[in-house]
Amino acid sequence: MKGKMLKTKKNFGGSFLIQKTSEADLFTPEDLTEEHQMMAEMAEKFITNDVMPVLTKIEDQQFDYTVSILII
Protein backbone atom coordinates (compact mmCIF):
# COMPACT_ATOMS: atom_id res chain seq x y z
CA MET A 1 0.00 0.00 0.00
CA LYS A 2 3.04 2.22 -0.27
CA GLY A 3 2.35 5.61 -1.82
CA LYS A 4 -1.41 5.50 -1.35
CA MET A 5 -3.21 7.81 1.03
CA LEU A 6 -5.92 6.31 3.18
CA LYS A 7 -9.09 8.35 3.20
CA THR A 8 -10.61 8.59 6.63
CA LYS A 9 -13.46 10.66 7.89
CA LYS A 10 -12.26 13.45 10.15
CA ASN A 11 -14.19 14.26 13.30
CA PHE A 12 -13.64 17.70 14.75
CA GLY A 13 -14.15 18.88 18.30
CA GLY A 14 -17.11 17.19 19.96
CA SER A 15 -18.79 16.26 16.67
CA PHE A 16 -18.48 12.59 17.59
CA LEU A 17 -21.08 13.24 20.28
CA ILE A 18 -23.81 14.30 17.87
CA GLN A 19 -22.87 12.51 14.65
CA LYS A 20 -22.88 8.83 13.91
CA THR A 21 -19.24 7.85 14.31
CA SER A 22 -17.45 4.58 13.93
CA GLU A 23 -15.19 3.49 16.77
CA ALA A 24 -12.40 3.11 14.21
CA ASP A 25 -12.65 6.83 13.35
CA LEU A 26 -11.86 7.97 16.90
CA PHE A 27 -8.36 8.48 18.26
CA THR A 28 -7.83 7.88 21.95
CA PRO A 29 -4.73 7.89 24.17
CA GLU A 30 -4.79 4.09 24.02
CA ASP A 31 -3.96 4.41 20.31
CA LEU A 32 -0.58 5.99 21.07
CA THR A 33 2.44 3.83 20.39
CA GLU A 34 5.25 3.40 22.91
CA GLU A 35 7.29 5.85 20.82
CA HIS A 36 4.52 8.47 21.02
CA GLN A 37 4.33 8.03 24.78
CA MET A 38 8.10 8.40 25.11
CA MET A 39 8.04 11.62 23.06
CA ALA A 40 5.24 13.04 25.23
CA GLU A 41 7.17 12.18 28.39
CA MET A 42 10.33 13.79 26.99
CA ALA A 43 8.43 16.98 26.09
CA GLU A 44 6.86 17.13 29.55
CA LYS A 45 10.28 16.74 31.22
CA PHE A 46 11.72 19.47 28.98
CA ILE A 47 8.96 21.90 29.95
CA THR A 48 9.21 21.03 33.66
CA ASN A 49 13.00 21.03 33.95
CA ASP A 50 14.13 23.63 31.40
CA VAL A 51 11.29 25.99 30.50
CA MET A 52 9.35 26.52 33.73
CA PRO A 53 12.37 27.72 35.77
CA VAL A 54 12.92 30.60 33.30
CA LEU A 55 9.36 31.12 32.07
CA THR A 56 9.00 34.67 33.41
CA LYS A 57 12.26 35.66 31.68
CA ILE A 58 11.04 34.10 28.42
CA GLU A 59 7.70 35.91 28.75
CA ASP A 60 9.61 39.14 29.38
CA GLN A 61 11.25 38.51 26.00
CA GLN A 62 14.74 37.99 27.35
CA PHE A 63 15.60 35.88 24.33
CA ASP A 64 19.01 34.78 25.57
CA TYR A 65 17.12 32.43 27.94
CA THR A 66 15.06 31.07 25.09
CA VAL A 67 18.16 30.40 23.05
CA SER A 68 19.99 28.85 26.01
CA ILE A 69 17.33 26.19 26.61
CA LEU A 70 17.21 25.30 22.92
CA ILE A 71 20.97 24.74 22.77
CA ILE A 72 21.06 22.30 25.70
PDB file of N, CA and C in Angstrom:
ATOM      1  N   MET A   1       0.808  -1.186   0.000  1.00  0.00           N
ATOM      2  CA  MET A   1       0.000   0.000   0.000  1.00  0.00           C
ATOM      3  C   MET A   1       0.859   1.260   0.000  1.00  0.00           C
ATOM      4  N   LYS A   2       2.105   1.097  -0.288  1.00  0.00           N
ATOM      5  CA  LYS A   2       3.044   2.220  -0.275  1.00  0.00           C
ATOM      6  C   LYS A   2       2.648   3.253  -1.321  1.00  0.00           C
ATOM      7  N   GLY A   3       2.655   4.541  -0.907  1.00  0.00           N
ATOM      8  CA  GLY A   3       2.351   5.614  -1.822  1.00  0.00           C
ATOM      9  C   GLY A   3       0.883   5.964  -1.925  1.00  0.00           C
ATOM     10  N   LYS A   4       0.015   5.197  -1.299  1.00  0.00           N
ATOM     11  CA  LYS A   4      -1.412   5.498  -1.347  1.00  0.00           C
ATOM     12  C   LYS A   4      -1.846   6.141  -0.038  1.00  0.00           C
ATOM     13  N   MET A   5      -2.679   7.144  -0.150  1.00  0.00           N
ATOM     14  CA  MET A   5      -3.212   7.814   1.029  1.00  0.00           C
ATOM     15  C   MET A   5      -4.522   7.137   1.419  1.00  0.00           C
ATOM     16  N   LEU A   6      -4.656   6.851   2.689  1.00  0.00           N
ATOM     17  CA  LEU A   6      -5.917   6.310   3.180  1.00  0.00           C
ATOM     18  C   LEU A   6      -6.874   7.459   3.421  1.00  0.00           C
ATOM     19  N   LYS A   7      -8.092   7.315   2.955  1.00  0.00           N
ATOM     20  CA  LYS A   7      -9.092   8.346   3.196  1.00  0.00           C
ATOM     21  C   LYS A   7      -9.878   7.957   4.435  1.00  0.00           C
ATOM     22  N   THR A   8      -9.834   8.821   5.411  1.00  0.00           N
ATOM     23  CA  THR A   8     -10.605   8.591   6.629  1.00  0.00           C
ATOM     24  C   THR A   8     -11.447   9.818   6.913  1.00  0.00           C
ATOM     25  N   LYS A   9     -12.575   9.572   7.520  1.00  0.00           N
ATOM     26  CA  LYS A   9     -13.464  10.656   7.885  1.00  0.00           C
ATOM     27  C   LYS A   9     -12.877  11.364   9.108  1.00  0.00           C
ATOM     28  N   LYS A  10     -12.798  12.671   9.042  1.00  0.00           N
ATOM     29  CA  LYS A  10     -12.262  13.450  10.150  1.00  0.00           C
ATOM     30  C   LYS A  10     -13.404  13.921  11.041  1.00  0.00           C
ATOM     31  N   ASN A  11     -13.242  13.739  12.330  1.00  0.00           N
ATOM     32  CA  ASN A  11     -14.193  14.262  13.303  1.00  0.00           C
ATOM     33  C   ASN A  11     -13.522  15.406  14.038  1.00  0.00           C
ATOM     34  N   PHE A  12     -14.207  16.524  14.116  1.00  0.00           N
ATOM     35  CA  PHE A  12     -13.639  17.697  14.746  1.00  0.00           C
ATOM     36  C   PHE A  12     -14.351  18.010  16.042  1.00  0.00           C
ATOM     37  N   GLY A  13     -13.578  18.466  17.022  1.00  0.00           N
ATOM     38  CA  GLY A  13     -14.147  18.881  18.302  1.00  0.00           C
ATOM     39  C   GLY A  13     -15.003  17.791  18.917  1.00  0.00           C
ATOM     40  N   GLY A  14     -16.193  18.147  19.333  1.00  0.00           N
ATOM     41  CA  GLY A  14     -17.109  17.195  19.958  1.00  0.00           C
ATOM     42  C   GLY A  14     -18.122  16.633  18.983  1.00  0.00           C
ATOM     43  N   SER A  15     -17.827  16.722  17.671  1.00  0.00           N
ATOM     44  CA  SER A  15     -18.789  16.257  16.673  1.00  0.00           C
ATOM     45  C   SER A  15     -19.132  14.784  16.835  1.00  0.00           C
ATOM     46  N   PHE A  16     -18.200  14.013  17.395  1.00  0.00           N
ATOM     47  CA  PHE A  16     -18.476  12.591  17.587  1.00  0.00           C
ATOM     48  C   PHE A  16     -19.627  12.360  18.552  1.00  0.00           C
ATOM     49  N   LEU A  17     -19.977  13.373  19.337  1.00  0.00           N
ATOM     50  CA  LEU A  17     -21.081  13.239  20.282  1.00  0.00           C
ATOM     51  C   LEU A  17     -22.445  13.342  19.613  1.00  0.00           C
ATOM     52  N   ILE A  18     -22.503  14.069  18.498  1.00  0.00           N
ATOM     53  CA  ILE A  18     -23.808  14.295  17.866  1.00  0.00           C
ATOM     54  C   ILE A  18     -23.924  13.648  16.497  1.00  0.00           C
ATOM     55  N   GLN A  19     -22.838  13.153  15.956  1.00  0.00           N
ATOM     56  CA  GLN A  19     -22.868  12.506  14.654  1.00  0.00           C
ATOM     57  C   GLN A  19     -22.626  11.016  14.827  1.00  0.00           C
ATOM     58  N   LYS A  20     -23.132  10.269  13.890  1.00  0.00           N
ATOM     59  CA  LYS A  20     -22.878   8.833  13.905  1.00  0.00           C
ATOM     60  C   LYS A  20     -21.402   8.622  13.563  1.00  0.00           C
ATOM     61  N   THR A  21     -20.691   7.995  14.455  1.00  0.00           N
ATOM     62  CA  THR A  21     -19.244   7.854  14.309  1.00  0.00           C
ATOM     63  C   THR A  21     -18.835   6.422  14.587  1.00  0.00           C
ATOM     64  N   SER A  22     -17.987   5.918  13.741  1.00  0.00           N
ATOM     65  CA  SER A  22     -17.451   4.577  13.933  1.00  0.00           C
ATOM     66  C   SER A  22     -16.349   4.628  14.986  1.00  0.00           C
ATOM     67  N   GLU A  23     -16.247   3.578  15.757  1.00  0.00           N
ATOM     68  CA  GLU A  23     -15.186   3.490  16.768  1.00  0.00           C
ATOM     69  C   GLU A  23     -13.808   3.594  16.121  1.00  0.00           C
ATOM     70  N   ALA A  24     -13.679   3.082  14.919  1.00  0.00           N
ATOM     71  CA  ALA A  24     -12.397   3.109  14.211  1.00  0.00           C
ATOM     72  C   ALA A  24     -11.987   4.529  13.817  1.00  0.00           C
ATOM     73  N   ASP A  25     -12.948   5.455  13.739  1.00  0.00           N
ATOM     74  CA  ASP A  25     -12.654   6.828  13.348  1.00  0.00           C
ATOM     75  C   ASP A  25     -12.182   7.690  14.511  1.00  0.00           C
ATOM     76  N   LEU A  26     -12.253   7.192  15.729  1.00  0.00           N
ATOM     77  CA  LEU A  26     -11.860   7.967  16.903  1.00  0.00           C
ATOM     78  C   LEU A  26     -10.423   7.652  17.280  1.00  0.00           C
ATOM     79  N   PHE A  27      -9.722   8.662  17.770  1.00  0.00           N
ATOM     80  CA  PHE A  27      -8.356   8.480  18.258  1.00  0.00           C
ATOM     81  C   PHE A  27      -8.354   8.723  19.746  1.00  0.00           C
ATOM     82  N   THR A  28      -7.878   7.772  20.495  1.00  0.00           N
ATOM     83  CA  THR A  28      -7.827   7.877  21.947  1.00  0.00           C
ATOM     84  C   THR A  28      -6.391   7.696  22.427  1.00  0.00           C
ATOM     85  N   PRO A  29      -6.096   8.077  23.666  1.00  0.00           N
ATOM     86  CA  PRO A  29      -4.726   7.890  24.170  1.00  0.00           C
ATOM     87  C   PRO A  29      -4.248   6.436  24.101  1.00  0.00           C
ATOM     88  N   GLU A  30      -5.174   5.504  24.114  1.00  0.00           N
ATOM     89  CA  GLU A  30      -4.795   4.094  24.020  1.00  0.00           C
ATOM     90  C   GLU A  30      -4.222   3.761  22.645  1.00  0.00           C
ATOM     91  N   ASP A  31      -4.473   4.626  21.653  1.00  0.00           N
ATOM     92  CA  ASP A  31      -3.960   4.410  20.306  1.00  0.00           C
ATOM     93  C   ASP A  31      -2.507   4.849  20.154  1.00  0.00           C
ATOM     94  N   LEU A  32      -1.964   5.532  21.134  1.00  0.00           N
ATOM     95  CA  LEU A  32      -0.579   5.991  21.066  1.00  0.00           C
ATOM     96  C   LEU A  32       0.375   4.805  21.145  1.00  0.00           C
ATOM     97  N   THR A  33       1.419   4.870  20.340  1.00  0.00           N
ATOM     98  CA  THR A  33       2.441   3.831  20.395  1.00  0.00           C
ATOM     99  C   THR A  33       3.386   4.120  21.561  1.00  0.00           C
ATOM    100  N   GLU A  34       4.249   3.194  21.855  1.00  0.00           N
ATOM    101  CA  GLU A  34       5.246   3.405  22.909  1.00  0.00           C
ATOM    102  C   GLU A  34       6.148   4.589  22.553  1.00  0.00           C
ATOM    103  N   GLU A  35       6.452   4.728  21.270  1.00  0.00           N
ATOM    104  CA  GLU A  35       7.292   5.853  20.825  1.00  0.00           C
ATOM    105  C   GLU A  35       6.583   7.187  21.063  1.00  0.00           C
ATOM    106  N   HIS A  36       5.286   7.253  20.766  1.00  0.00           N
ATOM    107  CA  HIS A  36       4.515   8.468  21.016  1.00  0.00           C
ATOM    108  C   HIS A  36       4.530   8.816  22.507  1.00  0.00           C
ATOM    109  N   GLN A  37       4.351   7.817  23.337  1.00  0.00           N
ATOM    110  CA  GLN A  37       4.328   8.032  24.784  1.00  0.00           C
ATOM    111  C   GLN A  37       5.685   8.519  25.279  1.00  0.00           C
ATOM    112  N   MET A  38       6.763   7.976  24.713  1.00  0.00           N
ATOM    113  CA  MET A  38       8.103   8.404  25.108  1.00  0.00           C
ATOM    114  C   MET A  38       8.352   9.855  24.696  1.00  0.00           C
ATOM    115  N   MET A  39       7.874  10.240  23.521  1.00  0.00           N
ATOM    116  CA  MET A  39       8.040  11.622  23.061  1.00  0.00           C
ATOM    117  C   MET A  39       7.255  12.586  23.948  1.00  0.00           C
ATOM    118  N   ALA A  40       6.056  12.199  24.347  1.00  0.00           N
ATOM    119  CA  ALA A  40       5.244  13.036  25.228  1.00  0.00           C
ATOM    120  C   ALA A  40       5.918  13.200  26.581  1.00  0.00           C
ATOM    121  N   GLU A  41       6.471  12.125  27.105  1.00  0.00           N
ATOM    122  CA  GLU A  41       7.172  12.184  28.393  1.00  0.00           C
ATOM    123  C   GLU A  41       8.412  13.070  28.305  1.00  0.00           C
ATOM    124  N   MET A  42       9.140  12.965  27.189  1.00  0.00           N
ATOM    125  CA  MET A  42      10.332  13.786  26.991  1.00  0.00           C
ATOM    126  C   MET A  42       9.950  15.268  26.912  1.00  0.00           C
ATOM    127  N   ALA A  43       8.880  15.592  26.199  1.00  0.00           N
ATOM    128  CA  ALA A  43       8.428  16.977  26.088  1.00  0.00           C
ATOM    129  C   ALA A  43       8.002  17.523  27.447  1.00  0.00           C
ATOM    130  N   GLU A  44       7.305  16.698  28.219  1.00  0.00           N
ATOM    131  CA  GLU A  44       6.864  17.128  29.554  1.00  0.00           C
ATOM    132  C   GLU A  44       8.061  17.395  30.466  1.00  0.00           C
ATOM    133  N   LYS A  45       9.074  16.535  30.408  1.00  0.00           N
ATOM    134  CA  LYS A  45      10.284  16.741  31.220  1.00  0.00           C
ATOM    135  C   LYS A  45      11.014  18.009  30.795  1.00  0.00           C
ATOM    136  N   PHE A  46      11.060  18.261  29.476  1.00  0.00           N
ATOM    137  CA  PHE A  46      11.718  19.474  28.984  1.00  0.00           C
ATOM    138  C   PHE A  46      11.025  20.718  29.522  1.00  0.00           C
ATOM    139  N   ILE A  47       9.712  20.747  29.458  1.00  0.00           N
ATOM    140  CA  ILE A  47       8.963  21.903  29.954  1.00  0.00           C
ATOM    141  C   ILE A  47       9.186  22.065  31.461  1.00  0.00           C
ATOM    142  N   THR A  48       9.074  20.979  32.196  1.00  0.00           N
ATOM    143  CA  THR A  48       9.209  21.032  33.656  1.00  0.00           C
ATOM    144  C   THR A  48      10.615  21.444  34.084  1.00  0.00           C
ATOM    145  N   ASN A  49      11.619  20.833  33.486  1.00  0.00           N
ATOM    146  CA  ASN A  49      13.000  21.032  33.948  1.00  0.00           C
ATOM    147  C   ASN A  49      13.697  22.251  33.346  1.00  0.00           C
ATOM    148  N   ASP A  50      13.365  22.585  32.089  1.00  0.00           N
ATOM    149  CA  ASP A  50      14.125  23.625  31.397  1.00  0.00           C
ATOM    150  C   ASP A  50      13.343  24.912  31.145  1.00  0.00           C
ATOM    151  N   VAL A  51      12.065  24.800  30.854  1.00  0.00           N
ATOM    152  CA  VAL A  51      11.289  25.992  30.501  1.00  0.00           C
ATOM    153  C   VAL A  51      10.709  26.670  31.739  1.00  0.00           C
ATOM    154  N   MET A  52      10.044  25.917  32.586  1.00  0.00           N
ATOM    155  CA  MET A  52       9.354  26.517  33.728  1.00  0.00           C
ATOM    156  C   MET A  52      10.269  27.337  34.635  1.00  0.00           C
ATOM    157  N   PRO A  53      11.508  26.906  34.894  1.00  0.00           N
ATOM    158  CA  PRO A  53      12.371  27.719  35.765  1.00  0.00           C
ATOM    159  C   PRO A  53      12.682  29.118  35.209  1.00  0.00           C
ATOM    160  N   VAL A  54      12.612  29.295  33.897  1.00  0.00           N
ATOM    161  CA  VAL A  54      12.921  30.602  33.296  1.00  0.00           C
ATOM    162  C   VAL A  54      11.725  31.184  32.536  1.00  0.00           C
ATOM    163  N   LEU A  55      10.537  30.705  32.816  1.00  0.00           N
ATOM    164  CA  LEU A  55       9.356  31.117  32.073  1.00  0.00           C
ATOM    165  C   LEU A  55       9.116  32.624  32.138  1.00  0.00           C
ATOM    166  N   THR A  56       9.256  33.218  33.306  1.00  0.00           N
ATOM    167  CA  THR A  56       9.005  34.670  33.408  1.00  0.00           C
ATOM    168  C   THR A  56      10.007  35.450  32.559  1.00  0.00           C
ATOM    169  N   LYS A  57      11.248  34.986  32.504  1.00  0.00           N
ATOM    170  CA  LYS A  57      12.258  35.663  31.682  1.00  0.00           C
ATOM    171  C   LYS A  57      11.942  35.498  30.194  1.00  0.00           C
ATOM    172  N   ILE A  58      11.439  34.321  29.817  1.00  0.00           N
ATOM    173  CA  ILE A  58      11.037  34.101  28.422  1.00  0.00           C
ATOM    174  C   ILE A  58       9.849  34.995  28.082  1.00  0.00           C
ATOM    175  N   GLU A  59       8.873  35.059  28.979  1.00  0.00           N
ATOM    176  CA  GLU A  59       7.703  35.908  28.746  1.00  0.00           C
ATOM    177  C   GLU A  59       8.064  37.392  28.711  1.00  0.00           C
ATOM    178  N   ASP A  60       9.126  37.761  29.417  1.00  0.00           N
ATOM    179  CA  ASP A  60       9.614  39.145  29.383  1.00  0.00           C
ATOM    180  C   ASP A  60      10.485  39.402  28.150  1.00  0.00           C
ATOM    181  N   GLN A  61      10.529  38.444  27.260  1.00  0.00           N
ATOM    182  CA  GLN A  61      11.255  38.505  25.995  1.00  0.00           C
ATOM    183  C   GLN A  61      12.756  38.678  26.169  1.00  0.00           C
ATOM    184  N   GLN A  62      13.295  38.048  27.177  1.00  0.00           N
ATOM    185  CA  GLN A  62      14.742  37.988  27.349  1.00  0.00           C
ATOM    186  C   GLN A  62      15.207  36.762  26.549  1.00  0.00           C
ATOM    187  N   PHE A  63      15.418  36.973  25.265  1.00  0.00           N
ATOM    188  CA  PHE A  63      15.596  35.879  24.332  1.00  0.00           C
ATOM    189  C   PHE A  63      16.853  35.051  24.550  1.00  0.00           C
ATOM    190  N   ASP A  64      17.819  35.586  25.289  1.00  0.00           N
ATOM    191  CA  ASP A  64      19.010  34.780  25.575  1.00  0.00           C
ATOM    192  C   ASP A  64      18.641  33.540  26.378  1.00  0.00           C
ATOM    193  N   TYR A  65      17.592  33.603  27.196  1.00  0.00           N
ATOM    194  CA  TYR A  65      17.124  32.426  27.944  1.00  0.00           C
ATOM    195  C   TYR A  65      16.445  31.429  27.017  1.00  0.00           C
ATOM    196  N   THR A  66      15.704  31.943  26.062  1.00  0.00           N
ATOM    197  CA  THR A  66      15.056  31.068  25.092  1.00  0.00           C
ATOM    198  C   THR A  66      16.109  30.309  24.287  1.00  0.00           C
ATOM    199  N   VAL A  67      17.103  31.013  23.823  1.00  0.00           N
ATOM    200  CA  VAL A  67      18.162  30.396  23.050  1.00  0.00           C
ATOM    201  C   VAL A  67      18.936  29.395  23.908  1.00  0.00           C
ATOM    202  N   SER A  68      19.191  29.736  25.158  1.00  0.00           N
ATOM    203  CA  SER A  68      19.987  28.850  26.011  1.00  0.00           C
ATOM    204  C   SER A  68      19.312  27.515  26.258  1.00  0.00           C
ATOM    205  N   ILE A  69      17.985  27.481  26.373  1.00  0.00           N
ATOM    206  CA  ILE A  69      17.332  26.192  26.612  1.00  0.00           C
ATOM    207  C   ILE A  69      17.209  25.375  25.332  1.00  0.00           C
ATOM    208  N   LEU A  70      17.269  26.030  24.186  1.00  0.00           N
ATOM    209  CA  LEU A  70      17.213  25.297  22.920  1.00  0.00           C
ATOM    210  C   LEU A  70      18.557  24.701  22.538  1.00  0.00           C
ATOM    211  N   ILE A  71      19.623  25.221  23.099  1.00  0.00           N
ATOM    212  CA  ILE A  71      20.970  24.745  22.772  1.00  0.00           C
ATOM    213  C   ILE A  71      21.382  23.577  23.666  1.00  0.00           C
ATOM    214  N   ILE A  72      20.687  23.360  24.743  1.00  0.00           N
ATOM    215  CA  ILE A  72      21.057  22.299  25.699  1.00  0.00           C
ATOM    216  C   ILE A  72      21.296  20.984  25.027  1.00  0.00           C
TER     217      ILE A  72
END
